[in-house]
Amino acid sequence: MRHLIISTSDSLHLIMRRVAIFAVCLMFVTVVVQIIARYVFSSPPVWTEDVARYAMVWTGLLGATLSFKTQSDAVLMQSIFPEPPHILAIFAKAVQSAAVLTFVLPVIYFCFIGLKGGFAKGYLARQSGLTADTLGIPMVWISVAVPLSMIIILIHLFARWAGDDVTENSTAQLD
């Protein structure tokens, strides 16, 4: 079971890295198209700004999963203080896990379930009734990045608990 959790986390990390890279490239290309169309042809397409914005949302949320997996997320005072004793390090990891769960679990819950209960009032259900004005697609396709990224962070947290010790320096081994 331990190996399954860690390998699932590693696989998701690789997939999300590729999707995030694609989203960055998509954002870049649409911004370049918009700039060229605006300043060269004086008529920018209406869809480029929305595509760039939605790609940025996906990039940011998937980037958070990549950062969490490699433990390159913000660590306060790590460079100032010496490495804590083992028992304090365990306590610090427990506090970090509690903080992650305190944030991630309600986000996942309210993406699917509304304040008064029921799937029809959850964030994704509310977004499925909306349409992106310029693209004509349901907003749920953009909004699904929120629960997806939170679920992936939760899987990465489970992998940490299972003994996955991936750091920023060993990320190259995942490729």
C-alpha atoms as a PDB file:
ATOM      1  CA  MET A   1       0.000   0.000   0.000  1.00  0.00           C
ATOM      2  CA  ARG A   2       2.872   2.342   0.858  1.00  0.00           C
ATOM      3  CA  HIS A   3       4.470   1.799  -2.556  1.00  0.00           C
ATOM      4  CA  LEU A   4       1.120   2.349  -4.323  1.00  0.00           C
ATOM      5  CA  ILE A   5       0.572   5.702  -2.614  1.00  0.00           C
ATOM      6  CA  ILE A   6       4.098   6.915  -3.359  1.00  0.00           C
ATOM      7  CA  SER A   7       4.037   5.750  -6.988  1.00  0.00           C
ATOM      8  CA  THR A   8       0.609   7.351  -7.504  1.00  0.00           C
ATOM      9  CA  SER A   9       1.975  10.598  -6.087  1.00  0.00           C
ATOM     10  CA  ASP A  10       5.045  10.415  -8.348  1.00  0.00           C
ATOM     11  CA  SER A  11       2.927   9.696 -11.429  1.00  0.00           C
ATOM     12  CA  LEU A  12       0.543  12.548 -10.664  1.00  0.00           C
ATOM     13  CA  HIS A  13       3.518  14.842 -10.177  1.00  0.00           C
ATOM     14  CA  LEU A  14       4.881  14.033 -13.629  1.00  0.00           C
ATOM     15  CA  ILE A  15       1.494  14.429 -15.303  1.00  0.00           C
ATOM     16  CA  MET A  16       0.739  17.701 -13.531  1.00  0.00           C
ATOM     17  CA  ARG A  17       4.167  19.057 -14.422  1.00  0.00           C
ATOM     18  CA  ARG A  18       3.464  18.429 -18.100  1.00  0.00           C
ATOM     19  CA  VAL A  19      -0.021  19.944 -17.880  1.00  0.00           C
ATOM     20  CA  ALA A  20       1.363  22.987 -16.046  1.00  0.00           C
ATOM     21  CA  ILE A  21       4.062  23.435 -18.699  1.00  0.00           C
ATOM     22  CA  PHE A  22       1.391  23.195 -21.398  1.00  0.00           C
ATOM     23  CA  ALA A  23      -0.721  25.790 -19.555  1.00  0.00           C
ATOM     24  CA  VAL A  24       2.252  28.180 -19.300  1.00  0.00           C
ATOM     25  CA  CYS A  25       2.965  27.755 -23.019  1.00  0.00           C
ATOM     26  CA  LEU A  26      -0.714  28.268 -23.864  1.00  0.00           C
ATOM     27  CA  MET A  27      -0.783  31.408 -21.743  1.00  0.00           C
ATOM     28  CA  PHE A  28       2.359  32.724 -23.428  1.00  0.00           C
ATOM     29  CA  VAL A  29       1.130  32.013 -26.943  1.00  0.00           C
ATOM     30  CA  THR A  30      -2.279  33.608 -26.375  1.00  0.00           C
ATOM     31  CA  VAL A  31      -0.706  36.721 -24.845  1.00  0.00           C
ATOM     32  CA  VAL A  32       1.682  37.009 -27.810  1.00  0.00           C
ATOM     33  CA  VAL A  33      -1.234  36.588 -30.229  1.00  0.00           C
ATOM     34  CA  GLN A  34      -3.154  39.265 -28.369  1.00  0.00           C
ATOM     35  CA  ILE A  35      -0.210  41.695 -28.383  1.00  0.00           C
ATOM     36  CA  ILE A  36       0.511  41.189 -32.074  1.00  0.00           C
ATOM     37  CA  ALA A  37      -3.159  41.431 -33.003  1.00  0.00           C
ATOM     38  CA  ARG A  38      -3.627  44.574 -30.908  1.00  0.00           C
ATOM     39  CA  TYR A  39      -0.555  46.534 -31.930  1.00  0.00           C
ATOM     40  CA  VAL A  40      -0.008  45.282 -35.465  1.00  0.00           C
ATOM     41  CA  PHE A  41      -3.544  44.669 -36.720  1.00  0.00           C
ATOM     42  CA  SER A  42      -5.443  46.910 -34.248  1.00  0.00           C
ATOM     43  CA  SER A  43      -8.057  44.216 -33.618  1.00  0.00           C
ATOM     44  CA  PRO A  44      -7.276  41.708 -30.871  1.00  0.00           C
ATOM     45  CA  PRO A  45      -9.411  38.572 -30.698  1.00  0.00           C
ATOM     46  CA  VAL A  46     -11.837  38.648 -27.773  1.00  0.00           C
ATOM     47  CA  TRP A  47     -10.966  35.132 -26.638  1.00  0.00           C
ATOM     48  CA  THR A  48      -7.213  35.549 -26.052  1.00  0.00           C
ATOM     49  CA  GLU A  49      -7.515  37.356 -22.723  1.00  0.00           C
ATOM     50  CA  ASP A  50      -9.827  34.709 -21.262  1.00  0.00           C
ATOM     51  CA  VAL A  51      -7.694  31.800 -22.489  1.00  0.00           C
ATOM     52  CA  ALA A  52      -4.597  33.416 -20.968  1.00  0.00           C
ATOM     53  CA  ARG A  53      -6.430  34.066 -17.683  1.00  0.00           C
ATOM     54  CA  TYR A  54      -7.763  30.522 -17.400  1.00  0.00           C
ATOM     55  CA  ALA A  55      -4.372  29.060 -18.319  1.00  0.00           C
ATOM     56  CA  MET A  56      -2.851  31.190 -15.562  1.00  0.00           C
ATOM     57  CA  VAL A  57      -5.376  29.808 -13.056  1.00  0.00           C
ATOM     58  CA  TRP A  58      -4.530  26.238 -14.042  1.00  0.00           C
ATOM     59  CA  THR A  59      -0.798  27.016 -13.963  1.00  0.00           C
ATOM     60  CA  GLY A  60      -1.005  28.506 -10.487  1.00  0.00           C
ATOM     61  CA  LEU A  61      -3.042  25.696  -8.978  1.00  0.00           C
ATOM     62  CA  LEU A  62      -1.017  22.929 -10.617  1.00  0.00           C
ATOM     63  CA  GLY A  63       2.154  24.775  -9.657  1.00  0.00           C
ATOM     64  CA  ALA A  64       1.000  24.582  -6.044  1.00  0.00           C
ATOM     65  CA  THR A  65       0.815  20.793  -6.319  1.00  0.00           C
ATOM     66  CA  LEU A  66       4.301  20.665  -7.832  1.00  0.00           C
ATOM     67  CA  SER A  67       5.669  22.895  -5.098  1.00  0.00           C
ATOM     68  CA  PHE A  68       4.045  20.810  -2.370  1.00  0.00           C
ATOM     69  CA  LYS A  69       5.359  17.546  -3.801  1.00  0.00           C
ATOM     70  CA  THR A  70       8.942  18.786  -3.977  1.00  0.00           C
ATOM     71  CA  GLN A  71       8.655  20.496  -0.592  1.00  0.00           C
ATOM     72  CA  SER A  72       9.766  23.735  -2.177  1.00  0.00           C
ATOM     73  CA  ASP A  73       6.799  25.503  -0.657  1.00  0.00           C
ATOM     74  CA  ALA A  74       7.489  28.445   1.620  1.00  0.00           C
ATOM     75  CA  VAL A  75       9.359  27.439   4.751  1.00  0.00           C
ATOM     76  CA  LEU A  76       9.693  30.253   7.254  1.00  0.00           C
ATOM     77  CA  MET A  77      13.017  30.782   8.987  1.00  0.00           C
ATOM     78  CA  GLN A  78      14.614  27.599   7.672  1.00  0.00           C
ATOM     79  CA  SER A  79      17.822  29.372   6.709  1.00  0.00           C
ATOM     80  CA  ILE A  80      18.121  31.224  10.033  1.00  0.00           C
ATOM     81  CA  PHE A  81      17.594  28.477  12.573  1.00  0.00           C
ATOM     82  CA  PRO A  82      19.603  25.266  12.872  1.00  0.00           C
ATOM     83  CA  GLU A  83      18.044  21.909  12.106  1.00  0.00           C
ATOM     84  CA  PRO A  84      15.690  21.106  15.023  1.00  0.00           C
ATOM     85  CA  PRO A  85      16.045  17.959  17.103  1.00  0.00           C
ATOM     86  CA  HIS A  86      14.264  14.901  15.717  1.00  0.00           C
ATOM     87  CA  ILE A  87      11.294  15.120  18.112  1.00  0.00           C
ATOM     88  CA  LEU A  88      10.690  18.771  17.199  1.00  0.00           C
ATOM     89  CA  ALA A  89      10.952  17.939  13.503  1.00  0.00           C
ATOM     90  CA  ILE A  90       8.241  15.317  13.950  1.00  0.00           C
ATOM     91  CA  PHE A  91       6.090  17.846  15.792  1.00  0.00           C
ATOM     92  CA  ALA A  92       6.676  20.427  13.048  1.00  0.00           C
ATOM     93  CA  LYS A  93       5.637  17.916  10.370  1.00  0.00           C
ATOM     94  CA  ALA A  94       2.489  17.105  12.370  1.00  0.00           C
ATOM     95  CA  VAL A  95       1.617  20.802  12.613  1.00  0.00           C
ATOM     96  CA  GLN A  96       2.274  21.230   8.893  1.00  0.00           C
ATOM     97  CA  SER A  97       0.042  18.244   8.094  1.00  0.00           C
ATOM     98  CA  ALA A  98      -2.704  19.639  10.312  1.00  0.00           C
ATOM     99  CA  ALA A  99      -2.453  23.009   8.563  1.00  0.00           C
ATOM    100  CA  VAL A 100      -2.637  21.392   5.129  1.00  0.00           C
ATOM    101  CA  LEU A 101      -5.639  19.290   6.116  1.00  0.00           C
ATOM    102  CA  THR A 102      -7.353  22.313   7.688  1.00  0.00           C
ATOM    103  CA  PHE A 103      -7.138  24.120   4.363  1.00  0.00           C
ATOM    104  CA  VAL A 104      -7.511  21.317   1.815  1.00  0.00           C
ATOM    105  CA  LEU A 105     -10.364  19.257   3.277  1.00  0.00           C
ATOM    106  CA  PRO A 106     -12.941  22.092   3.486  1.00  0.00           C
ATOM    107  CA  VAL A 107     -12.028  23.237  -0.030  1.00  0.00           C
ATOM    108  CA  ILE A 108     -12.598  19.723  -1.379  1.00  0.00           C
ATOM    109  CA  TYR A 109     -15.813  19.341   0.619  1.00  0.00           C
ATOM    110  CA  PHE A 110     -17.349  22.634  -0.524  1.00  0.00           C
ATOM    111  CA  CYS A 111     -16.378  22.006  -4.137  1.00  0.00           C
ATOM    112  CA  PHE A 112     -18.845  19.134  -4.142  1.00  0.00           C
ATOM    113  CA  ILE A 113     -21.268  19.884  -1.269  1.00  0.00           C
ATOM    114  CA  GLY A 114     -23.012  23.202  -0.628  1.00  0.00           C
ATOM    115  CA  LEU A 115     -23.324  25.033   2.686  1.00  0.00           C
ATOM    116  CA  LYS A 116     -26.705  23.476   3.401  1.00  0.00           C
ATOM    117  CA  GLY A 117     -25.751  20.085   2.014  1.00  0.00           C
ATOM    118  CA  GLY A 118     -26.505  18.548  -1.330  1.00  0.00           C
ATOM    119  CA  PHE A 119     -24.471  18.276  -4.482  1.00  0.00           C
ATOM    120  CA  ALA A 120     -26.586  20.839  -6.348  1.00  0.00           C
ATOM    121  CA  LYS A 121     -25.248  23.682  -4.224  1.00  0.00           C
ATOM    122  CA  GLY A 122     -21.549  22.810  -4.341  1.00  0.00           C
ATOM    123  CA  TYR A 123     -19.008  25.053  -6.059  1.00  0.00           C
ATOM    124  CA  LEU A 124     -18.680  22.826  -9.136  1.00  0.00           C
ATOM    125  CA  ALA A 125     -22.444  22.462  -9.513  1.00  0.00           C
ATOM    126  CA  ARG A 126     -22.882  26.231  -9.341  1.00  0.00           C
ATOM    127  CA  GLN A 127     -20.109  26.728 -11.889  1.00  0.00           C
ATOM    128  CA  SER A 128     -21.606  24.184 -14.287  1.00  0.00           C
ATOM    129  CA  GLY A 129     -24.572  26.502 -14.758  1.00  0.00           C
ATOM    130  CA  LEU A 130     -22.321  29.342 -15.928  1.00  0.00           C
ATOM    131  CA  THR A 131     -20.736  29.808 -19.332  1.00  0.00           C
ATOM    132  CA  ALA A 132     -17.534  31.642 -20.198  1.00  0.00           C
ATOM    133  CA  ASP A 133     -18.752  34.583 -22.251  1.00  0.00           C
ATOM    134  CA  THR A 134     -16.060  34.691 -24.919  1.00  0.00           C
ATOM    135  CA  LEU A 135     -15.312  30.976 -25.126  1.00  0.00           C
ATOM    136  CA  GLY A 136     -18.808  29.555 -24.783  1.00  0.00           C
ATOM    137  CA  ILE A 137     -17.669  26.665 -22.574  1.00  0.00           C
ATOM    138  CA  PRO A 138     -19.072  25.753 -19.152  1.00  0.00           C
ATOM    139  CA  MET A 139     -17.093  27.424 -16.356  1.00  0.00           C
ATOM    140  CA  VAL A 140     -16.846  24.059 -14.622  1.00  0.00           C
ATOM    141  CA  TRP A 141     -13.979  23.169 -16.991  1.00  0.00           C
ATOM    142  CA  ILE A 142     -11.989  26.045 -15.563  1.00  0.00           C
ATOM    143  CA  SER A 143     -13.207  25.620 -11.987  1.00  0.00           C
ATOM    144  CA  VAL A 144     -12.374  21.912 -11.802  1.00  0.00           C
ATOM    145  CA  ALA A 145      -8.743  22.968 -11.322  1.00  0.00           C
ATOM    146  CA  VAL A 146      -9.535  23.881  -7.701  1.00  0.00           C
ATOM    147  CA  PRO A 147     -10.689  20.475  -6.393  1.00  0.00           C
ATOM    148  CA  LEU A 148      -8.251  18.655  -8.678  1.00  0.00           C
ATOM    149  CA  SER A 149      -5.268  20.508  -7.247  1.00  0.00           C
ATOM    150  CA  MET A 150      -6.491  20.064  -3.664  1.00  0.00           C
ATOM    151  CA  ILE A 151      -7.002  16.316  -4.155  1.00  0.00           C
ATOM    152  CA  ILE A 152      -3.521  15.998  -5.646  1.00  0.00           C
ATOM    153  CA  ILE A 153      -2.018  17.896  -2.699  1.00  0.00           C
ATOM    154  CA  LEU A 154      -3.873  15.503  -0.393  1.00  0.00           C
ATOM    155  CA  ILE A 155      -2.396  12.514  -2.253  1.00  0.00           C
ATOM    156  CA  HIS A 156       1.079  14.071  -1.979  1.00  0.00           C
ATOM    157  CA  LEU A 157       0.493  14.514   1.769  1.00  0.00           C
ATOM    158  CA  PHE A 158      -0.449  10.841   2.071  1.00  0.00           C
ATOM    159  CA  ALA A 159       2.759   9.997   0.191  1.00  0.00           C
ATOM    160  CA  ARG A 160       4.763  12.055   2.696  1.00  0.00           C
ATOM    161  CA  TRP A 161       3.133  10.131   5.511  1.00  0.00           C
ATOM    162  CA  ALA A 162       4.000   6.888   3.703  1.00  0.00           C
ATOM    163  CA  GLY A 163       7.660   7.863   3.652  1.00  0.00           C
ATOM    164  CA  ASP A 164       8.067   9.732   0.379  1.00  0.00           C
ATOM    165  CA  ASP A 165      11.057  11.998   0.924  1.00  0.00           C
ATOM    166  CA  VAL A 166      11.122  13.912  -2.351  1.00  0.00           C
ATOM    167  CA  THR A 167      12.842  17.250  -2.080  1.00  0.00           C
ATOM    168  CA  GLU A 168      13.608  19.997  -4.508  1.00  0.00           C
ATOM    169  CA  ASN A 169      17.039  18.494  -5.254  1.00  0.00           C
ATOM    170  CA  SER A 170      15.779  15.001  -6.014  1.00  0.00           C
ATOM    171  CA  THR A 171      13.003  16.111  -8.379  1.00  0.00           C
ATOM    172  CA  ALA A 172      15.222  15.456 -11.371  1.00  0.00           C
ATOM    173  CA  GLN A 173      15.106  11.750 -10.516  1.00  0.00           C
ATOM    174  CA  LEU A 174      11.350  11.751 -11.178  1.00  0.00           C
ATOM    175  CA  ASP A 175      11.819  12.601 -14.850  1.00  0.00           C
END
